[in-house]
mmCIF file of all heavy atoms, coordinates in Angstrom:
data_MODEL
# 
_entry.id   MODEL 
# 
loop_
_atom_site.group_PDB 
_atom_site.id 
_atom_site.type_symbol 
_atom_site.label_atom_id 
_atom_site.label_alt_id 
_atom_site.label_comp_id 
_atom_site.label_asym_id 
_atom_site.label_entity_id 
_atom_site.label_seq_id 
_atom_site.pdbx_PDB_ins_code 
_atom_site.Cartn_x 
_atom_site.Cartn_y 
_atom_site.Cartn_z 
_atom_site.occupancy 
_atom_site.B_iso_or_equiv 
_atom_site.pdbx_formal_charge 
_atom_site.auth_seq_id 
_atom_site.auth_comp_id 
_atom_site.auth_asym_id 
_atom_site.auth_atom_id 
_atom_site.pdbx_PDB_model_num 
ATOM 1   N N   . THR A 1 1  ? -12.093 2.746  -4.935 1.00 0.00 ? 1  THR A N   1 
ATOM 2   C CA  . THR A 1 1  ? -12.250 2.752  -3.476 1.00 0.00 ? 1  THR A CA  1 
ATOM 3   C C   . THR A 1 1  ? -11.623 1.485  -2.942 1.00 0.00 ? 1  THR A C   1 
ATOM 4   O O   . THR A 1 1  ? -10.999 1.475  -1.835 1.00 0.00 ? 1  THR A O   1 
ATOM 5   C CB  . THR A 1 1  ? -13.773 2.791  -3.093 1.00 0.00 ? 1  THR A CB  1 
ATOM 6   O OG1 . THR A 1 1  ? -14.232 4.070  -3.741 1.00 0.00 ? 1  THR A OG1 1 
ATOM 7   C CG2 . THR A 1 1  ? -13.943 2.839  -1.649 1.00 0.00 ? 1  THR A CG2 1 
ATOM 8   N N   . ALA A 1 2  ? -11.923 0.329  -3.545 1.00 0.00 ? 2  ALA A N   1 
ATOM 9   C CA  . ALA A 1 2  ? -11.395 -0.928 -3.060 1.00 0.00 ? 2  ALA A CA  1 
ATOM 10  C C   . ALA A 1 2  ? -9.877  -1.011 -3.065 1.00 0.00 ? 2  ALA A C   1 
ATOM 11  O O   . ALA A 1 2  ? -9.259  -1.669 -2.249 1.00 0.00 ? 2  ALA A O   1 
ATOM 12  C CB  . ALA A 1 2  ? -12.001 -2.099 -3.883 1.00 0.00 ? 2  ALA A CB  1 
ATOM 13  N N   . GLY A 1 3  ? -9.226  -0.273 -3.982 1.00 0.00 ? 3  GLY A N   1 
ATOM 14  C CA  . GLY A 1 3  ? -7.793  -0.384 -4.135 1.00 0.00 ? 3  GLY A CA  1 
ATOM 15  C C   . GLY A 1 3  ? -7.063  0.736  -3.396 1.00 0.00 ? 3  GLY A C   1 
ATOM 16  O O   . GLY A 1 3  ? -5.969  0.898  -3.395 1.00 0.00 ? 3  GLY A O   1 
ATOM 17  N N   . PHE A 1 4  ? -7.868  1.673  -2.813 1.00 0.00 ? 4  PHE A N   1 
ATOM 18  C CA  . PHE A 1 4  ? -7.258  2.910  -2.229 1.00 0.00 ? 4  PHE A CA  1 
ATOM 19  C C   . PHE A 1 4  ? -6.346  2.511  -0.948 1.00 0.00 ? 4  PHE A C   1 
ATOM 20  O O   . PHE A 1 4  ? -5.194  3.017  -0.977 1.00 0.00 ? 4  PHE A O   1 
ATOM 21  C CB  . PHE A 1 4  ? -8.348  3.809  -1.794 1.00 0.00 ? 4  PHE A CB  1 
ATOM 22  C CG  . PHE A 1 4  ? -7.889  5.116  -1.110 1.00 0.00 ? 4  PHE A CG  1 
ATOM 23  C CD1 . PHE A 1 4  ? -7.198  6.028  -1.798 1.00 0.00 ? 4  PHE A CD1 1 
ATOM 24  C CD2 . PHE A 1 4  ? -7.979  5.245  0.347  1.00 0.00 ? 4  PHE A CD2 1 
ATOM 25  C CE1 . PHE A 1 4  ? -6.655  7.197  -1.125 1.00 0.00 ? 4  PHE A CE1 1 
ATOM 26  C CE2 . PHE A 1 4  ? -7.623  6.408  0.907  1.00 0.00 ? 4  PHE A CE2 1 
ATOM 27  C CZ  . PHE A 1 4  ? -6.862  7.377  0.137  1.00 0.00 ? 4  PHE A CZ  1 
ATOM 28  N N   . LEU A 1 5  ? -6.799  1.800  0.016  1.00 0.00 ? 5  LEU A N   1 
ATOM 29  C CA  . LEU A 1 5  ? -5.995  1.612  1.162  1.00 0.00 ? 5  LEU A CA  1 
ATOM 30  C C   . LEU A 1 5  ? -4.768  0.677  0.790  1.00 0.00 ? 5  LEU A C   1 
ATOM 31  O O   . LEU A 1 5  ? -3.654  1.000  1.301  1.00 0.00 ? 5  LEU A O   1 
ATOM 32  C CB  . LEU A 1 5  ? -6.781  1.019  2.216  1.00 0.00 ? 5  LEU A CB  1 
ATOM 33  C CG  . LEU A 1 5  ? -7.703  2.066  3.074  1.00 0.00 ? 5  LEU A CG  1 
ATOM 34  C CD1 . LEU A 1 5  ? -8.468  1.438  4.143  1.00 0.00 ? 5  LEU A CD1 1 
ATOM 35  C CD2 . LEU A 1 5  ? -6.898  3.175  3.632  1.00 0.00 ? 5  LEU A CD2 1 
ATOM 36  N N   . PRO A 1 6  ? -4.918  -0.428 0.012  1.00 0.00 ? 6  PRO A N   1 
ATOM 37  C CA  . PRO A 1 6  ? -3.764  -1.105 -0.303 1.00 0.00 ? 6  PRO A CA  1 
ATOM 38  C C   . PRO A 1 6  ? -2.747  -0.231 -1.134 1.00 0.00 ? 6  PRO A C   1 
ATOM 39  O O   . PRO A 1 6  ? -1.497  -0.430 -0.858 1.00 0.00 ? 6  PRO A O   1 
ATOM 40  C CB  . PRO A 1 6  ? -4.232  -2.241 -1.199 1.00 0.00 ? 6  PRO A CB  1 
ATOM 41  C CG  . PRO A 1 6  ? -5.696  -2.442 -0.800 1.00 0.00 ? 6  PRO A CG  1 
ATOM 42  C CD  . PRO A 1 6  ? -6.101  -1.032 -0.429 1.00 0.00 ? 6  PRO A CD  1 
ATOM 43  N N   . ALA A 1 7  ? -3.234  0.654  -1.934 1.00 0.00 ? 7  ALA A N   1 
ATOM 44  C CA  . ALA A 1 7  ? -2.254  1.467  -2.632 1.00 0.00 ? 7  ALA A CA  1 
ATOM 45  C C   . ALA A 1 7  ? -1.564  2.450  -1.673 1.00 0.00 ? 7  ALA A C   1 
ATOM 46  O O   . ALA A 1 7  ? -0.394  2.766  -1.838 1.00 0.00 ? 7  ALA A O   1 
ATOM 47  C CB  . ALA A 1 7  ? -3.035  2.303  -3.775 1.00 0.00 ? 7  ALA A CB  1 
ATOM 48  N N   . CYS A 1 8  ? -2.312  2.906  -0.726 1.00 0.00 ? 8  CYS A N   1 
ATOM 49  C CA  . CYS A 1 8  ? -1.707  3.769  0.340  1.00 0.00 ? 8  CYS A CA  1 
ATOM 50  C C   . CYS A 1 8  ? -0.585  3.086  1.189  1.00 0.00 ? 8  CYS A C   1 
ATOM 51  O O   . CYS A 1 8  ? 0.371   3.726  1.476  1.00 0.00 ? 8  CYS A O   1 
ATOM 52  C CB  . CYS A 1 8  ? -2.787  4.320  1.264  1.00 0.00 ? 8  CYS A CB  1 
ATOM 53  S SG  . CYS A 1 8  ? -3.807  5.488  0.382  1.00 0.00 ? 8  CYS A SG  1 
ATOM 54  N N   . VAL A 1 9  ? -0.881  1.855  1.399  1.00 0.00 ? 9  VAL A N   1 
ATOM 55  C CA  . VAL A 1 9  ? 0.163   1.048  2.122  1.00 0.00 ? 9  VAL A CA  1 
ATOM 56  C C   . VAL A 1 9  ? 1.451   1.016  1.319  1.00 0.00 ? 9  VAL A C   1 
ATOM 57  O O   . VAL A 1 9  ? 2.506   1.137  1.832  1.00 0.00 ? 9  VAL A O   1 
ATOM 58  C CB  . VAL A 1 9  ? -0.430  -0.385 2.561  1.00 0.00 ? 9  VAL A CB  1 
ATOM 59  C CG1 . VAL A 1 9  ? 0.700   -1.220 3.081  1.00 0.00 ? 9  VAL A CG1 1 
ATOM 60  C CG2 . VAL A 1 9  ? -1.474  -0.140 3.613  1.00 0.00 ? 9  VAL A CG2 1 
ATOM 61  N N   . THR A 1 10 ? 1.251   0.663  0.080  1.00 0.00 ? 10 THR A N   1 
ATOM 62  C CA  . THR A 1 10 ? 2.447   0.547  -0.893 1.00 0.00 ? 10 THR A CA  1 
ATOM 63  C C   . THR A 1 10 ? 3.102   1.875  -0.948 1.00 0.00 ? 10 THR A C   1 
ATOM 64  O O   . THR A 1 10 ? 4.367   1.933  -0.933 1.00 0.00 ? 10 THR A O   1 
ATOM 65  C CB  . THR A 1 10 ? 1.981   0.047  -2.265 1.00 0.00 ? 10 THR A CB  1 
ATOM 66  O OG1 . THR A 1 10 ? 1.378   -1.204 -2.066 1.00 0.00 ? 10 THR A OG1 1 
ATOM 67  C CG2 . THR A 1 10 ? 3.189   -0.112 -3.126 1.00 0.00 ? 10 THR A CG2 1 
ATOM 68  N N   . LEU A 1 11 ? 2.347   2.975  -1.105 1.00 0.00 ? 11 LEU A N   1 
ATOM 69  C CA  . LEU A 1 11 ? 2.900   4.244  -1.139 1.00 0.00 ? 11 LEU A CA  1 
ATOM 70  C C   . LEU A 1 11 ? 3.784   4.618  0.145  1.00 0.00 ? 11 LEU A C   1 
ATOM 71  O O   . LEU A 1 11 ? 4.956   5.141  0.009  1.00 0.00 ? 11 LEU A O   1 
ATOM 72  C CB  . LEU A 1 11 ? 1.866   5.316  -1.309 1.00 0.00 ? 11 LEU A CB  1 
ATOM 73  C CG  . LEU A 1 11 ? 2.312   6.795  -1.306 1.00 0.00 ? 11 LEU A CG  1 
ATOM 74  C CD1 . LEU A 1 11 ? 3.022   7.050  -2.545 1.00 0.00 ? 11 LEU A CD1 1 
ATOM 75  C CD2 . LEU A 1 11 ? 1.162   7.717  -1.274 1.00 0.00 ? 11 LEU A CD2 1 
ATOM 76  N N   . ALA A 1 12 ? 3.217   4.281  1.265  1.00 0.00 ? 12 ALA A N   1 
ATOM 77  C CA  . ALA A 1 12 ? 3.945   4.588  2.512  1.00 0.00 ? 12 ALA A CA  1 
ATOM 78  C C   . ALA A 1 12 ? 5.151   3.850  2.608  1.00 0.00 ? 12 ALA A C   1 
ATOM 79  O O   . ALA A 1 12 ? 6.184   4.309  3.067  1.00 0.00 ? 12 ALA A O   1 
ATOM 80  C CB  . ALA A 1 12 ? 3.024   4.317  3.727  1.00 0.00 ? 12 ALA A CB  1 
ATOM 81  N N   . ARG A 1 13 ? 5.201   2.592  2.213  1.00 0.00 ? 13 ARG A N   1 
ATOM 82  C CA  . ARG A 1 13 ? 6.388   1.687  2.248  1.00 0.00 ? 13 ARG A CA  1 
ATOM 83  C C   . ARG A 1 13 ? 7.463   2.246  1.379  1.00 0.00 ? 13 ARG A C   1 
ATOM 84  O O   . ARG A 1 13 ? 8.639   2.313  1.722  1.00 0.00 ? 13 ARG A O   1 
ATOM 85  C CB  . ARG A 1 13 ? 5.944   0.231  1.834  1.00 0.00 ? 13 ARG A CB  1 
ATOM 86  C CG  . ARG A 1 13 ? 7.120   -0.710 2.026  1.00 0.00 ? 13 ARG A CG  1 
ATOM 87  C CD  . ARG A 1 13 ? 6.662   -2.133 1.660  1.00 0.00 ? 13 ARG A CD  1 
ATOM 88  N NE  . ARG A 1 13 ? 5.675   -2.191 0.547  1.00 0.00 ? 13 ARG A NE  1 
ATOM 89  C CZ  . ARG A 1 13 ? 6.117   -2.382 -0.673 1.00 0.00 ? 13 ARG A CZ  1 
ATOM 90  N NH1 . ARG A 1 13 ? 7.426   -2.373 -1.025 1.00 0.00 ? 13 ARG A NH1 1 
ATOM 91  N NH2 . ARG A 1 13 ? 5.196   -2.426 -1.759 1.00 0.00 ? 13 ARG A NH2 1 
ATOM 92  N N   . ARG A 1 14 ? 7.009   2.684  0.198  1.00 0.00 ? 14 ARG A N   1 
ATOM 93  C CA  . ARG A 1 14 ? 7.940   3.184  -0.767 1.00 0.00 ? 14 ARG A CA  1 
ATOM 94  C C   . ARG A 1 14 ? 8.576   4.557  -0.336 1.00 0.00 ? 14 ARG A C   1 
ATOM 95  O O   . ARG A 1 14 ? 9.715   4.854  -0.542 1.00 0.00 ? 14 ARG A O   1 
ATOM 96  C CB  . ARG A 1 14 ? 7.345   3.350  -2.182 1.00 0.00 ? 14 ARG A CB  1 
ATOM 97  C CG  . ARG A 1 14 ? 7.083   2.052  -2.801 1.00 0.00 ? 14 ARG A CG  1 
ATOM 98  C CD  . ARG A 1 14 ? 6.387   2.189  -4.182 1.00 0.00 ? 14 ARG A CD  1 
ATOM 99  N NE  . ARG A 1 14 ? 6.049   0.818  -4.764 1.00 0.00 ? 14 ARG A NE  1 
ATOM 100 C CZ  . ARG A 1 14 ? 5.395   0.703  -5.831 1.00 0.00 ? 14 ARG A CZ  1 
ATOM 101 N NH1 . ARG A 1 14 ? 4.875   1.756  -6.359 1.00 0.00 ? 14 ARG A NH1 1 
ATOM 102 N NH2 . ARG A 1 14 ? 5.187   -0.522 -6.313 1.00 0.00 ? 14 ARG A NH2 1 
ATOM 103 N N   . LEU A 1 15 ? 7.654   5.432  0.222  1.00 0.00 ? 15 LEU A N   1 
ATOM 104 C CA  . LEU A 1 15 ? 8.213   6.769  0.636  1.00 0.00 ? 15 LEU A CA  1 
ATOM 105 C C   . LEU A 1 15 ? 9.105   6.651  1.912  1.00 0.00 ? 15 LEU A C   1 
ATOM 106 O O   . LEU A 1 15 ? 10.033  7.372  2.067  1.00 0.00 ? 15 LEU A O   1 
ATOM 107 C CB  . LEU A 1 15 ? 6.991   7.660  1.003  1.00 0.00 ? 15 LEU A CB  1 
ATOM 108 C CG  . LEU A 1 15 ? 6.079   8.080  -0.159 1.00 0.00 ? 15 LEU A CG  1 
ATOM 109 C CD1 . LEU A 1 15 ? 4.958   8.975  0.452  1.00 0.00 ? 15 LEU A CD1 1 
ATOM 110 C CD2 . LEU A 1 15 ? 6.896   8.853  -1.130 1.00 0.00 ? 15 LEU A CD2 1 
ATOM 111 N N   . ARG A 1 16 ? 8.811   5.644  2.711  1.00 0.00 ? 16 ARG A N   1 
ATOM 112 C CA  . ARG A 1 16 ? 9.648   5.496  3.919  1.00 0.00 ? 16 ARG A CA  1 
ATOM 113 C C   . ARG A 1 16 ? 11.218  5.270  3.649  1.00 0.00 ? 16 ARG A C   1 
ATOM 114 O O   . ARG A 1 16 ? 12.012  5.864  4.282  1.00 0.00 ? 16 ARG A O   1 
ATOM 115 C CB  . ARG A 1 16 ? 9.133   4.221  4.733  1.00 0.00 ? 16 ARG A CB  1 
ATOM 116 C CG  . ARG A 1 16 ? 9.835   3.968  5.944  1.00 0.00 ? 16 ARG A CG  1 
ATOM 117 C CD  . ARG A 1 16 ? 9.397   2.752  6.660  1.00 0.00 ? 16 ARG A CD  1 
ATOM 118 N NE  . ARG A 1 16 ? 9.808   1.706  5.877  1.00 0.00 ? 16 ARG A NE  1 
ATOM 119 C CZ  . ARG A 1 16 ? 9.232   0.445  5.843  1.00 0.00 ? 16 ARG A CZ  1 
ATOM 120 N NH1 . ARG A 1 16 ? 8.271   0.207  6.596  1.00 0.00 ? 16 ARG A NH1 1 
ATOM 121 N NH2 . ARG A 1 16 ? 9.690   -0.511 4.998  1.00 0.00 ? 16 ARG A NH2 1 
ATOM 122 N N   . GLY A 1 17 ? 11.434  4.634  2.494  1.00 0.00 ? 17 GLY A N   1 
ATOM 123 C CA  . GLY A 1 17 ? 12.885  4.384  2.142  1.00 0.00 ? 17 GLY A CA  1 
ATOM 124 C C   . GLY A 1 17 ? 13.349  5.410  1.237  1.00 0.00 ? 17 GLY A C   1 
ATOM 125 O O   . GLY A 1 17 ? 14.661  5.231  0.877  1.00 0.00 ? 17 GLY A O   1 
ATOM 126 N N   . ASP A 1 18 ? 12.635  6.418  0.843  1.00 0.00 ? 18 ASP A N   1 
ATOM 127 C CA  . ASP A 1 18 ? 13.150  7.400  -0.120 1.00 0.00 ? 18 ASP A CA  1 
ATOM 128 C C   . ASP A 1 18 ? 13.822  8.537  0.613  1.00 0.00 ? 18 ASP A C   1 
ATOM 129 O O   . ASP A 1 18 ? 13.214  9.258  1.541  1.00 0.00 ? 18 ASP A O   1 
ATOM 130 C CB  . ASP A 1 18 ? 11.966  7.950  -0.987 1.00 0.00 ? 18 ASP A CB  1 
ATOM 131 C CG  . ASP A 1 18 ? 12.449  8.586  -2.248 1.00 0.00 ? 18 ASP A CG  1 
ATOM 132 O OD1 . ASP A 1 18 ? 13.503  9.246  -2.227 1.00 0.00 ? 18 ASP A OD1 1 
ATOM 133 O OD2 . ASP A 1 18 ? 11.774  8.469  -3.233 1.00 0.00 ? 18 ASP A OD2 1 
ATOM 134 N N   . ASP A 1 19 ? 15.090  8.842  0.262  1.00 0.00 ? 19 ASP A N   1 
ATOM 135 C CA  . ASP A 1 19 ? 15.905  9.947  0.876  1.00 0.00 ? 19 ASP A CA  1 
ATOM 136 C C   . ASP A 1 19 ? 15.319  11.309 0.527  1.00 0.00 ? 19 ASP A C   1 
ATOM 137 O O   . ASP A 1 19 ? 15.634  12.334 1.166  1.00 0.00 ? 19 ASP A O   1 
ATOM 138 C CB  . ASP A 1 19 ? 17.337  9.882  0.533  1.00 0.00 ? 19 ASP A CB  1 
ATOM 139 C CG  . ASP A 1 19 ? 17.978  8.692  1.118  1.00 0.00 ? 19 ASP A CG  1 
ATOM 140 O OD1 . ASP A 1 19 ? 17.477  8.170  2.144  1.00 0.00 ? 19 ASP A OD1 1 
ATOM 141 O OD2 . ASP A 1 19 ? 18.897  8.134  0.576  1.00 0.00 ? 19 ASP A OD2 1 
ATOM 142 N N   . ARG A 1 20 ? 14.549  11.483 -0.559 1.00 0.00 ? 20 ARG A N   1 
ATOM 143 C CA  . ARG A 1 20 ? 13.984  12.699 -0.974 1.00 0.00 ? 20 ARG A CA  1 
ATOM 144 C C   . ARG A 1 20 ? 12.759  13.202 -0.132 1.00 0.00 ? 20 ARG A C   1 
ATOM 145 O O   . ARG A 1 20 ? 12.308  14.333 -0.350 1.00 0.00 ? 20 ARG A O   1 
ATOM 146 C CB  . ARG A 1 20 ? 13.606  12.691 -2.415 1.00 0.00 ? 20 ARG A CB  1 
ATOM 147 C CG  . ARG A 1 20 ? 14.767  12.362 -3.373 1.00 0.00 ? 20 ARG A CG  1 
ATOM 148 C CD  . ARG A 1 20 ? 14.480  12.135 -4.656 1.00 0.00 ? 20 ARG A CD  1 
ATOM 149 N NE  . ARG A 1 20 ? 13.621  10.898 -4.839 1.00 0.00 ? 20 ARG A NE  1 
ATOM 150 C CZ  . ARG A 1 20 ? 13.042  10.398 -5.950 1.00 0.00 ? 20 ARG A CZ  1 
ATOM 151 N NH1 . ARG A 1 20 ? 13.160  11.109 -7.103 1.00 0.00 ? 20 ARG A NH1 1 
ATOM 152 N NH2 . ARG A 1 20 ? 12.328  9.353  -5.858 1.00 0.00 ? 20 ARG A NH2 1 
ATOM 153 N N   . VAL A 1 21 ? 12.303  12.345 0.722  1.00 0.00 ? 21 VAL A N   1 
ATOM 154 C CA  . VAL A 1 21 ? 11.118  12.609 1.491  1.00 0.00 ? 21 VAL A CA  1 
ATOM 155 C C   . VAL A 1 21 ? 11.544  13.179 2.853  1.00 0.00 ? 21 VAL A C   1 
ATOM 156 O O   . VAL A 1 21 ? 12.352  12.641 3.602  1.00 0.00 ? 21 VAL A O   1 
ATOM 157 C CB  . VAL A 1 21 ? 10.264  11.370 1.697  1.00 0.00 ? 21 VAL A CB  1 
ATOM 158 C CG1 . VAL A 1 21 ? 9.046   11.596 2.518  1.00 0.00 ? 21 VAL A CG1 1 
ATOM 159 C CG2 . VAL A 1 21 ? 9.859   10.711 0.417  1.00 0.00 ? 21 VAL A CG2 1 
ATOM 160 N N   . PRO A 1 22 ? 11.076  14.410 3.214  1.00 0.00 ? 22 PRO A N   1 
ATOM 161 C CA  . PRO A 1 22 ? 11.317  15.007 4.547  1.00 0.00 ? 22 PRO A CA  1 
ATOM 162 C C   . PRO A 1 22 ? 10.914  14.131 5.692  1.00 0.00 ? 22 PRO A C   1 
ATOM 163 O O   . PRO A 1 22 ? 9.866   13.485 5.602  1.00 0.00 ? 22 PRO A O   1 
ATOM 164 C CB  . PRO A 1 22 ? 10.665  16.336 4.482  1.00 0.00 ? 22 PRO A CB  1 
ATOM 165 C CG  . PRO A 1 22 ? 10.135  16.565 3.142  1.00 0.00 ? 22 PRO A CG  1 
ATOM 166 C CD  . PRO A 1 22 ? 10.126  15.207 2.450  1.00 0.00 ? 22 PRO A CD  1 
ATOM 167 N N   . TRP A 1 23 ? 11.571  14.182 6.813  1.00 0.00 ? 23 TRP A N   1 
ATOM 168 C CA  . TRP A 1 23 ? 11.220  13.309 7.918  1.00 0.00 ? 23 TRP A CA  1 
ATOM 169 C C   . TRP A 1 23 ? 9.877   13.672 8.445  1.00 0.00 ? 23 TRP A C   1 
ATOM 170 O O   . TRP A 1 23 ? 9.219   12.758 8.965  1.00 0.00 ? 23 TRP A O   1 
ATOM 171 C CB  . TRP A 1 23 ? 12.326  13.484 9.009  1.00 0.00 ? 23 TRP A CB  1 
ATOM 172 C CG  . TRP A 1 23 ? 12.391  14.818 9.830  1.00 0.00 ? 23 TRP A CG  1 
ATOM 173 C CD1 . TRP A 1 23 ? 13.103  15.843 9.442  1.00 0.00 ? 23 TRP A CD1 1 
ATOM 174 C CD2 . TRP A 1 23 ? 11.680  15.147 10.897 1.00 0.00 ? 23 TRP A CD2 1 
ATOM 175 N NE1 . TRP A 1 23 ? 12.897  16.926 10.270 1.00 0.00 ? 23 TRP A NE1 1 
ATOM 176 C CE2 . TRP A 1 23 ? 12.029  16.542 11.245 1.00 0.00 ? 23 TRP A CE2 1 
ATOM 177 C CE3 . TRP A 1 23 ? 10.715  14.543 11.729 1.00 0.00 ? 23 TRP A CE3 1 
ATOM 178 C CZ2 . TRP A 1 23 ? 11.410  17.166 12.292 1.00 0.00 ? 23 TRP A CZ2 1 
ATOM 179 C CZ3 . TRP A 1 23 ? 10.254  15.208 12.826 1.00 0.00 ? 23 TRP A CZ3 1 
ATOM 180 C CH2 . TRP A 1 23 ? 10.592  16.509 13.105 1.00 0.00 ? 23 TRP A CH2 1 
ATOM 181 N N   . ARG A 1 24 ? 9.403   14.870 8.399  1.00 0.00 ? 24 ARG A N   1 
ATOM 182 C CA  . ARG A 1 24 ? 8.086   15.240 8.910  1.00 0.00 ? 24 ARG A CA  1 
ATOM 183 C C   . ARG A 1 24 ? 6.992   14.468 8.152  1.00 0.00 ? 24 ARG A C   1 
ATOM 184 O O   . ARG A 1 24 ? 6.051   14.048 8.687  1.00 0.00 ? 24 ARG A O   1 
ATOM 185 C CB  . ARG A 1 24 ? 7.785   16.739 8.872  1.00 0.00 ? 24 ARG A CB  1 
ATOM 186 C CG  . ARG A 1 24 ? 8.492   17.450 9.998  1.00 0.00 ? 24 ARG A CG  1 
ATOM 187 C CD  . ARG A 1 24 ? 8.203   18.887 9.973  1.00 0.00 ? 24 ARG A CD  1 
ATOM 188 N NE  . ARG A 1 24 ? 8.941   19.510 11.101 1.00 0.00 ? 24 ARG A NE  1 
ATOM 189 C CZ  . ARG A 1 24 ? 8.918   20.790 11.289 1.00 0.00 ? 24 ARG A CZ  1 
ATOM 190 N NH1 . ARG A 1 24 ? 8.116   21.596 10.544 1.00 0.00 ? 24 ARG A NH1 1 
ATOM 191 N NH2 . ARG A 1 24 ? 9.539   21.364 12.260 1.00 0.00 ? 24 ARG A NH2 1 
# 
């Protein structure tokens, strides 16, 4: 639980730059 939101922030940052992720 303590690591959930920081891990989500890292996930969002990594997905933002990935071309395999749809824009929606």
